[in-house]
Amino acid sequence: MNILGIDFEDWFHPELIQKYISKKNNQPKIIQGIDKILDLLRKKDTKATFFVVGELLEFKPELLDLILDNDHEIGFHTMKHTRIDSPNFKEKFEEEIKKFDELTDGKSKGFRAPSFSLNTTSSWLIDVLEENDYVYDSSVVPAKTRLYGIPNAEKKPYKISSKFLEGSSKDGKIIEFPMMVTKFLGKKIPAAGGFYLRTLPSRIIETAIKSYEKENLPGVFYIHSWELTPEFMPKMKLPKKDHFITFHNIHKAYGKMEDLANEDTKFYPRSPYGVAKIAAEKYLKYLYGVRSPGKPPKSPKISAPSALFIR
């Protein structure tokens, strides 16, 4: 079973854009593309977890019902797409998670850190998620990149704790769903989506998915809302490296996602209890000996989506 997350952000949220624009009076544009995204998922019979930046729900509250009424799941992505390892952000985050709970009527049970910014300086996140009755996190990338990564983290889902981010902890209550990685030119790199979906040949991503399938692991995949709706992205000049990372092949993202969600690599919906229930039954209990079901159930050829369905 593979899992699809859509990081629902607007044009002014990406980290490499935020550095060069004013943070005041930015009008959402990508939000206009929600119907296009939902139509793609509907056409491909695919369900997803929408990790939404909270201020977009303040701007357009009906987003919540649009997502849930199409049988997708809502997840939290901070209120303003702030890196959680930003200085002194913990207290602010504690306020934000409660605000998001109000906006979603407690529907969110999963979190993804902007720019996958969970690391040793922001490990407090796991404790805050526990305190607010969250069930899972999906902020770990088991590879090192320019912006993020915990290279020694496990590939399979595990019970994470603030004291140990890399693997399962006996004290862990939050289920961590690490992003999919692969080997390329002898180096471990992300293969889960975003810049890597736009840049890597499709066969490398498909090979990564099949590799996870052989190991009975869920391939955790993501894409940004603005990558699926580039027509709403304003033109802007960024330094060459930042521009390349943000915009390279952006007009190919929709087509590649459309091709990926085919009959052989299909993303399947979750149970009403979401990732938490399925993962606990299918992976965690098997992996950590809560019960011994024998051979783990074979994942569908390509499952996918929504990382967790809690309505």
Protein backbone atom coordinates (compact mmCIF):
# COMPACT_ATOMS: atom_id res chain seq x y z
CA MET A 1 0.00 0.00 0.00
CA ASN A 2 1.45 3.30 -1.09
CA ILE A 3 0.44 6.65 0.28
CA LEU A 4 -0.14 9.95 -1.51
CA GLY A 5 0.05 13.29 0.25
CA ILE A 6 -0.67 16.66 -1.34
CA ASP A 7 1.08 19.52 0.41
CA PHE A 8 -1.58 22.17 -0.15
CA GLU A 9 0.27 25.47 -0.24
CA ASP A 10 -0.07 28.71 -2.15
CA TRP A 11 2.44 30.48 -4.35
CA PHE A 12 4.03 32.46 -1.50
CA HIS A 13 4.58 29.48 0.83
CA PRO A 14 7.56 27.56 -0.67
CA GLU A 15 10.68 28.16 1.42
CA LEU A 16 12.83 29.26 -1.49
CA ILE A 17 10.23 31.86 -2.50
CA GLN A 18 9.51 33.18 1.00
CA LYS A 19 13.05 34.50 1.27
CA TYR A 20 12.53 36.99 -1.54
CA ILE A 21 9.01 38.34 -1.10
CA SER A 22 7.11 40.42 1.40
CA LYS A 23 5.13 38.35 3.89
CA LYS A 24 2.32 40.90 3.99
CA ASN A 25 -0.83 41.09 1.88
CA ASN A 26 -0.08 38.13 -0.36
CA GLN A 27 -3.26 37.04 -2.12
CA PRO A 28 -3.76 33.30 -2.57
CA LYS A 29 -3.86 32.11 -6.19
CA ILE A 30 -3.15 28.37 -6.13
CA ILE A 31 -6.28 27.90 -4.06
CA GLN A 32 -8.20 28.45 -7.31
CA GLY A 33 -6.82 25.14 -8.58
CA ILE A 34 -8.50 22.92 -5.99
CA ASP A 35 -11.12 21.68 -8.48
CA LYS A 36 -8.43 20.76 -11.01
CA ILE A 37 -6.60 18.73 -8.36
CA LEU A 38 -9.77 17.01 -7.15
CA ASP A 39 -10.74 16.21 -10.75
CA LEU A 40 -7.37 14.55 -11.36
CA LEU A 41 -7.71 12.41 -8.24
CA ARG A 42 -11.29 11.51 -9.13
CA LYS A 43 -10.33 10.57 -12.70
CA LYS A 44 -7.56 8.32 -11.39
CA ASP A 45 -9.72 6.84 -8.61
CA THR A 46 -7.09 8.03 -6.16
CA LYS A 47 -7.41 9.26 -2.59
CA ALA A 48 -4.94 11.56 -0.88
CA THR A 49 -4.12 13.26 2.37
CA PHE A 50 -4.15 17.04 1.93
CA PHE A 51 -1.59 18.58 4.28
CA VAL A 52 -3.04 22.07 4.30
CA VAL A 53 -1.37 25.33 5.34
CA GLY A 54 -3.90 26.59 7.87
CA GLU A 55 -4.19 30.19 6.74
CA LEU A 56 -5.71 28.94 3.47
CA LEU A 57 -8.64 27.54 5.43
CA GLU A 58 -9.05 30.95 7.03
CA PHE A 59 -9.14 32.52 3.57
CA LYS A 60 -11.42 29.87 2.07
CA PRO A 61 -13.18 27.79 4.79
CA GLU A 62 -15.09 25.74 2.20
CA LEU A 63 -11.79 24.04 1.29
CA LEU A 64 -12.31 21.66 4.20
CA ASP A 65 -15.64 20.36 2.92
CA LEU A 66 -14.35 20.16 -0.66
CA ILE A 67 -11.54 17.87 0.51
CA LEU A 68 -13.56 15.74 2.93
CA ASP A 69 -16.65 15.44 0.72
CA ASN A 70 -14.44 13.90 -1.97
CA ASP A 71 -13.29 11.26 0.55
CA HIS A 72 -9.81 12.65 1.03
CA GLU A 73 -8.18 13.34 4.37
CA ILE A 74 -7.08 16.59 5.96
CA GLY A 75 -3.67 16.99 7.62
CA PHE A 76 -1.79 19.89 9.21
CA HIS A 77 1.11 21.73 7.53
CA THR A 78 1.46 24.64 10.02
CA MET A 79 -0.54 27.86 9.72
CA LYS A 80 1.90 29.80 7.51
CA HIS A 81 4.32 27.15 6.20
CA THR A 82 6.98 27.94 8.80
CA ARG A 83 9.91 25.58 9.23
CA ILE A 84 9.46 23.93 12.61
CA ASP A 85 13.18 24.25 13.31
CA SER A 86 12.84 28.04 13.16
CA PRO A 87 14.18 29.72 16.33
CA ASN A 88 11.70 29.79 19.23
CA PHE A 89 8.89 28.32 17.14
CA LYS A 90 7.63 25.73 19.65
CA GLU A 91 5.34 28.06 21.60
CA LYS A 92 3.90 29.49 18.37
CA PHE A 93 3.35 26.00 16.99
CA GLU A 94 1.43 24.99 20.12
CA GLU A 95 -0.95 27.87 19.39
CA GLU A 96 -1.15 26.99 15.69
CA ILE A 97 -2.06 23.33 16.19
CA LYS A 98 -4.97 24.35 18.42
CA LYS A 99 -6.09 26.92 15.86
CA PHE A 100 -6.03 24.30 13.10
CA ASP A 101 -8.05 21.98 15.32
CA GLU A 102 -10.71 24.69 15.55
CA LEU A 103 -10.67 25.28 11.79
CA THR A 104 -11.09 21.57 11.02
CA ASP A 105 -13.36 20.61 13.92
CA GLY A 106 -10.72 18.14 15.11
CA LYS A 107 -10.57 16.28 11.77
CA SER A 108 -6.78 16.41 11.45
CA LYS A 109 -4.79 13.57 12.99
CA GLY A 110 -1.67 13.79 10.85
CA PHE A 111 1.12 16.32 10.34
CA ARG A 112 3.87 17.09 7.85
CA ALA A 113 6.57 19.64 8.62
CA PRO A 114 7.20 22.29 5.95
CA SER A 115 10.39 21.49 4.07
CA PHE A 116 10.57 18.24 6.09
CA SER A 117 12.18 20.31 8.85
CA LEU A 118 11.94 17.71 11.60
CA ASN A 119 15.42 17.20 13.05
CA THR A 120 17.22 17.09 16.39
CA THR A 121 16.62 20.81 16.99
CA SER A 122 12.88 20.42 16.43
CA SER A 123 12.25 17.01 17.99
CA TRP A 124 9.86 18.69 20.44
CA LEU A 125 7.33 18.41 17.61
CA ILE A 126 6.63 14.77 18.43
CA ASP A 127 5.71 15.60 22.03
CA VAL A 128 3.37 18.37 20.92
CA LEU A 129 1.67 16.05 18.42
CA GLU A 130 1.13 13.49 21.19
CA GLU A 131 -0.28 16.13 23.53
CA ASN A 132 -2.79 17.15 20.86
CA ASP A 133 -3.97 13.60 20.11
CA TYR A 134 -2.33 13.31 16.71
CA VAL A 135 -1.82 9.80 15.41
CA TYR A 136 0.93 10.09 12.83
CA ASP A 137 3.65 12.24 11.34
CA SER A 138 5.19 12.18 7.86
CA SER A 139 8.12 14.59 8.12
CA VAL A 140 11.15 12.27 7.90
CA VAL A 141 13.18 11.84 4.72
CA PRO A 142 15.74 9.01 5.14
CA ALA A 143 18.30 10.79 2.93
CA LYS A 144 20.33 13.98 3.18
CA THR A 145 19.63 16.94 0.89
CA ARG A 146 20.49 20.63 0.84
CA LEU A 147 17.34 21.52 2.82
CA TYR A 148 16.43 18.50 4.93
CA GLY A 149 16.88 14.84 5.74
CA ILE A 150 17.62 12.29 8.47
CA PRO A 151 19.84 9.94 6.46
CA ASN A 152 19.95 7.10 8.99
CA ALA A 153 16.19 6.94 9.55
CA GLU A 154 14.34 3.73 8.82
CA LYS A 155 12.46 3.29 5.54
CA LYS A 156 9.52 1.46 7.07
CA PRO A 157 6.83 3.03 9.28
CA TYR A 158 7.85 3.16 12.91
CA LYS A 159 6.89 4.54 16.29
CA ILE A 160 8.83 7.76 16.65
CA SER A 161 9.67 9.63 19.85
CA SER A 162 11.25 13.01 20.53
CA LYS A 163 14.26 11.20 22.00
CA PHE A 164 14.90 9.07 18.93
CA LEU A 165 13.89 10.22 15.44
CA GLU A 166 15.64 7.57 13.36
CA GLY A 167 13.70 4.44 14.28
CA SER A 168 11.16 2.80 16.51
CA SER A 169 11.12 3.68 20.18
CA LYS A 170 9.40 1.76 22.99
CA ASP A 171 8.16 5.13 24.21
CA GLY A 172 6.87 6.15 20.80
CA LYS A 173 3.16 6.79 20.33
CA ILE A 174 3.23 8.68 17.05
CA ILE A 175 3.48 6.59 13.86
CA GLU A 176 6.12 7.97 11.50
CA PHE A 177 5.67 7.43 7.76
CA PRO A 178 9.07 8.23 6.17
CA MET A 179 9.21 9.46 2.61
CA MET A 180 10.25 7.08 -0.16
CA VAL A 181 13.94 7.04 -1.12
CA THR A 182 16.04 5.25 -3.73
CA LYS A 183 19.63 4.82 -4.89
CA PHE A 184 20.78 6.92 -7.84
CA LEU A 185 24.36 6.93 -9.10
CA GLY A 186 25.36 5.19 -5.87
CA LYS A 187 23.78 7.81 -3.60
CA LYS A 188 20.60 7.57 -1.53
CA ILE A 189 18.20 10.29 -2.64
CA PRO A 190 14.52 11.13 -2.15
CA ALA A 191 12.21 9.61 -4.74
CA ALA A 192 8.95 10.66 -3.17
CA GLY A 193 7.84 13.58 -5.32
CA GLY A 194 8.23 17.34 -5.48
CA PHE A 195 11.46 18.42 -7.15
CA TYR A 196 12.46 14.77 -7.55
CA LEU A 197 9.22 13.89 -9.37
CA ARG A 198 9.84 16.80 -11.73
CA THR A 199 13.51 16.02 -12.27
CA LEU A 200 14.08 12.26 -12.11
CA PRO A 201 13.17 10.03 -15.05
CA SER A 202 9.84 8.31 -14.38
CA ARG A 203 11.46 4.87 -14.56
CA ILE A 204 13.60 5.66 -11.49
CA ILE A 205 10.52 6.57 -9.45
CA GLU A 206 8.66 3.50 -10.71
CA THR A 207 11.65 1.31 -9.80
CA ALA A 208 11.65 2.80 -6.29
CA ILE A 209 7.95 2.03 -5.90
CA LYS A 210 8.46 -1.58 -7.03
CA SER A 211 11.39 -1.93 -4.64
CA TYR A 212 9.23 -0.86 -1.71
CA GLU A 213 6.49 -3.19 -2.89
CA LYS A 214 8.86 -6.15 -2.85
CA GLU A 215 9.73 -5.34 0.76
CA ASN A 216 6.06 -5.00 1.69
CA LEU A 217 6.61 -1.36 2.59
CA PRO A 218 4.34 1.56 1.76
CA GLY A 219 5.92 4.04 -0.63
CA VAL A 220 5.08 7.46 0.82
CA PHE A 221 4.73 9.95 -2.02
CA TYR A 222 3.91 13.66 -2.18
CA ILE A 223 3.32 16.52 -4.57
CA HIS A 224 2.68 20.23 -4.03
CA SER A 225 -0.59 21.86 -5.05
CA TRP A 226 1.33 24.55 -6.94
CA GLU A 227 3.14 21.89 -8.98
CA LEU A 228 -0.22 20.59 -10.17
CA THR A 229 -1.52 24.08 -10.98
CA PRO A 230 1.46 25.99 -12.42
CA GLU A 231 -0.88 28.26 -14.38
CA PHE A 232 -1.63 30.07 -11.11
CA MET A 233 2.02 30.56 -10.15
CA PRO A 234 3.14 34.17 -10.71
CA LYS A 235 6.34 34.69 -12.62
CA MET A 236 9.22 35.77 -10.45
CA LYS A 237 12.98 36.03 -10.55
CA LEU A 238 14.95 34.00 -8.03
CA PRO A 239 18.66 33.23 -7.79
CA LYS A 240 19.51 30.52 -10.31
CA LYS A 241 19.82 27.62 -7.87
CA ASP A 242 16.62 28.49 -5.99
CA HIS A 243 14.77 29.08 -9.26
CA PHE A 244 15.90 25.70 -10.58
CA ILE A 245 14.79 23.81 -7.46
CA THR A 246 11.42 25.57 -7.35
CA PHE A 247 10.43 25.75 -11.02
CA HIS A 248 12.42 23.15 -12.98
CA ASN A 249 10.03 21.07 -15.09
CA ILE A 250 7.04 22.41 -13.17
CA HIS A 251 4.86 22.14 -16.27
CA LYS A 252 5.60 18.41 -16.43
CA ALA A 253 4.48 17.64 -12.87
CA TYR A 254 0.77 17.22 -13.64
CA GLY A 255 1.43 14.86 -16.53
CA LYS A 256 3.95 12.79 -14.58
CA MET A 257 1.54 12.48 -11.67
CA GLU A 258 -1.22 11.51 -14.07
CA ASP A 259 0.98 8.83 -15.63
CA LEU A 260 2.11 7.54 -12.25
CA ALA A 261 -1.42 6.95 -10.98
CA ASN A 262 -2.17 4.26 -13.56
CA GLU A 263 -3.56 0.75 -13.15
CA ASP A 264 -0.15 -0.70 -12.32
CA THR A 265 0.75 2.02 -9.86
CA LYS A 266 -2.58 2.89 -8.38
CA PHE A 267 -3.11 4.73 -5.14
CA TYR A 268 -5.81 3.19 -3.00
CA PRO A 269 -7.97 4.82 -0.34
CA ARG A 270 -7.65 4.14 3.31
CA SER A 271 -10.03 2.76 5.84
CA PRO A 272 -12.21 5.22 7.77
CA TYR A 273 -9.58 5.17 10.51
CA GLY A 274 -6.82 5.94 8.17
CA VAL A 275 -3.23 5.25 8.20
CA ALA A 276 -3.19 4.75 11.85
CA LYS A 277 -5.42 1.72 11.74
CA ILE A 278 -4.06 0.20 8.55
CA ALA A 279 -0.44 0.76 9.48
CA ALA A 280 -0.93 -0.63 12.93
CA GLU A 281 -2.61 -3.72 11.56
CA LYS A 282 -0.54 -4.23 8.45
CA TYR A 283 2.91 -3.06 9.47
CA LEU A 284 3.54 -2.10 13.06
CA LYS A 285 2.01 -5.15 14.69
CA TYR A 286 3.84 -7.37 12.27
CA LEU A 287 7.14 -5.55 12.51
CA TYR A 288 7.20 -5.14 16.26
CA GLY A 289 5.62 -8.38 17.39
CA VAL A 290 2.35 -7.25 18.87
CA ARG A 291 0.98 -10.29 17.10
CA SER A 292 2.45 -12.68 14.60
CA PRO A 293 0.30 -12.87 11.49
CA GLY A 294 2.88 -14.86 9.57
CA LYS A 295 3.75 -13.48 6.20
CA PRO A 296 2.69 -9.83 5.94
CA PRO A 297 -0.15 -9.17 3.50
CA LYS A 298 1.00 -8.34 0.01
CA SER A 299 0.44 -4.71 -0.86
CA PRO A 300 -1.61 -3.91 -3.95
CA LYS A 301 0.43 -3.32 -7.04
CA ILE A 302 0.47 0.26 -6.36
CA SER A 303 -1.50 1.61 -3.74
CA ALA A 304 -1.52 4.94 -2.77
CA PRO A 305 -3.05 7.56 -1.15
CA SER A 306 -4.29 9.29 1.34
CA ALA A 307 -2.29 8.77 4.11
CA LEU A 308 -4.90 8.66 6.54
CA PHE A 309 -8.45 9.05 6.48
CA ILE A 310 -10.05 10.33 9.60
CA ARG A 311 -13.41 12.01 9.23
